[in-house]
Amino acid sequence: MEDTGNTIKTKSSTLASTEQTVVEALAEAQAKIEAANSAAASQAEAQASQAVVAAYSQAASAAAVGDTVTASSAATLASSLAANLDSNAQSVNETTSESASQAS
């Protein structure tokens, strides 16, 4: 009985940690999306942003029902998509800066 209690405590702790990670990552993704939108993101960037939010939503939903494997996989996917979105946004910003420098 004690082992069962310890197992439940461990799984609850793992789930709480996963949910906290997902919540933090979602907040970060939303901040990045807002920054991309304020920088007049293209349609492709907007779609990529939606994919990031969808992946984080899937992670949050899975975490809410205790499916830590799916939550972790979806959070990893979302993080990868967000990093790709950041990389693309940075390239666009660098190109815009170079164009502005050449124009002046």
Protein backbone atom coordinates (compact mmCIF):
# COMPACT_ATOMS: atom_id res chain seq x y z
CA MET A 1 0.00 0.00 0.00
CA GLU A 2 2.85 2.34 0.85
CA ASP A 3 4.50 1.62 -2.53
CA THR A 4 1.24 2.51 -4.30
CA GLY A 5 1.08 5.78 -2.36
CA ASN A 6 4.67 6.60 -3.28
CA THR A 7 4.02 5.75 -6.93
CA ILE A 8 0.99 8.04 -6.99
CA LYS A 9 2.98 10.85 -5.35
CA THR A 10 5.80 10.41 -7.87
CA LYS A 11 3.43 10.39 -10.85
CA SER A 12 1.55 13.41 -9.48
CA SER A 13 4.82 15.26 -9.04
CA THR A 14 5.92 14.36 -12.58
CA LEU A 15 2.58 15.46 -14.00
CA ALA A 16 2.68 18.76 -12.09
CA SER A 17 6.20 19.39 -13.35
CA THR A 18 5.19 18.56 -16.94
CA GLU A 19 2.15 20.83 -16.73
CA GLN A 20 4.29 23.68 -15.36
CA THR A 21 6.77 23.23 -18.20
CA VAL A 22 3.96 23.24 -20.76
CA VAL A 23 2.39 26.36 -19.24
CA GLU A 24 5.73 28.20 -19.26
CA ALA A 25 6.50 27.09 -22.81
CA LEU A 26 3.03 28.12 -24.00
CA ALA A 27 3.43 31.57 -22.45
CA GLU A 28 6.81 31.91 -24.15
CA ALA A 29 5.38 30.78 -27.49
CA GLN A 30 2.51 33.23 -27.22
CA ALA A 31 4.94 36.07 -26.48
CA LYS A 32 6.99 35.10 -29.53
CA ILE A 33 3.86 34.94 -31.67
CA GLU A 34 2.80 38.41 -30.53
CA ALA A 35 6.29 39.72 -31.35
CA ALA A 36 6.15 38.09 -34.79
CA ASN A 37 2.70 39.53 -35.42
CA SER A 38 3.77 43.02 -34.37
CA ALA A 39 6.67 42.75 -36.82
CA ALA A 40 4.14 42.24 -39.64
CA ALA A 41 4.71 38.50 -40.00
CA SER A 42 3.92 36.96 -43.34
CA GLN A 43 1.07 34.48 -43.87
CA ALA A 44 3.55 31.60 -43.71
CA GLU A 45 4.87 32.82 -40.36
CA ALA A 46 1.33 33.16 -39.05
CA GLN A 47 0.61 29.55 -40.05
CA ALA A 48 3.83 28.42 -38.38
CA SER A 49 2.79 30.28 -35.25
CA GLN A 50 -0.56 28.50 -35.29
CA ALA A 51 1.25 25.16 -35.54
CA VAL A 52 3.29 26.05 -32.45
CA VAL A 53 0.16 26.95 -30.49
CA ALA A 54 -1.57 23.77 -31.66
CA ALA A 55 1.35 21.64 -30.54
CA TYR A 56 1.48 23.34 -27.13
CA SER A 57 -2.30 22.93 -26.82
CA GLN A 58 -1.95 19.23 -27.52
CA ALA A 59 0.79 19.03 -24.87
CA ALA A 60 -1.39 20.82 -22.33
CA SER A 61 -4.38 18.59 -23.08
CA ALA A 62 -2.29 15.45 -22.74
CA ALA A 63 -0.75 16.68 -19.49
CA ALA A 64 -4.21 17.47 -18.12
CA VAL A 65 -5.28 13.83 -18.51
CA GLY A 66 -1.98 12.46 -17.20
CA ASP A 67 -0.52 11.35 -20.54
CA THR A 68 3.03 12.51 -19.86
CA VAL A 69 4.51 10.68 -22.87
CA THR A 70 2.25 12.51 -25.35
CA ALA A 71 2.63 15.77 -23.42
CA SER A 72 6.40 15.52 -23.57
CA SER A 73 6.42 14.63 -27.28
CA ALA A 74 4.05 17.46 -28.17
CA ALA A 75 6.03 19.95 -26.04
CA THR A 76 9.24 18.86 -27.80
CA LEU A 77 7.60 19.30 -31.21
CA ALA A 78 6.25 22.71 -30.22
CA SER A 79 9.65 23.80 -28.95
CA SER A 80 11.26 22.71 -32.21
CA LEU A 81 8.63 24.53 -34.25
CA ALA A 82 9.07 27.66 -32.11
CA ALA A 83 12.85 27.54 -32.60
CA ASN A 84 12.34 27.24 -36.35
CA LEU A 85 9.92 30.16 -36.25
CA ASP A 86 12.52 32.22 -34.33
CA SER A 87 15.21 31.31 -36.84
CA ASN A 88 13.01 32.33 -39.77
CA ALA A 89 11.99 35.58 -38.06
CA GLN A 90 15.63 36.41 -37.35
CA SER A 91 16.53 35.85 -41.02
CA VAL A 92 13.71 38.16 -42.11
CA ASN A 93 14.83 40.83 -39.62
CA GLU A 94 18.44 40.59 -40.80
CA THR A 95 17.39 40.87 -44.44
CA THR A 96 15.19 43.88 -43.61
CA SER A 97 18.08 45.55 -41.74
CA GLU A 98 20.45 44.94 -44.63
CA SER A 99 17.94 46.37 -47.11
CA ALA A 100 17.43 49.44 -44.93
CA SER A 101 21.22 49.95 -44.68
CA GLN A 102 21.66 49.69 -48.42
CA ALA A 103 18.79 52.10 -49.05
CA SER A 104 20.36 54.81 -46.89
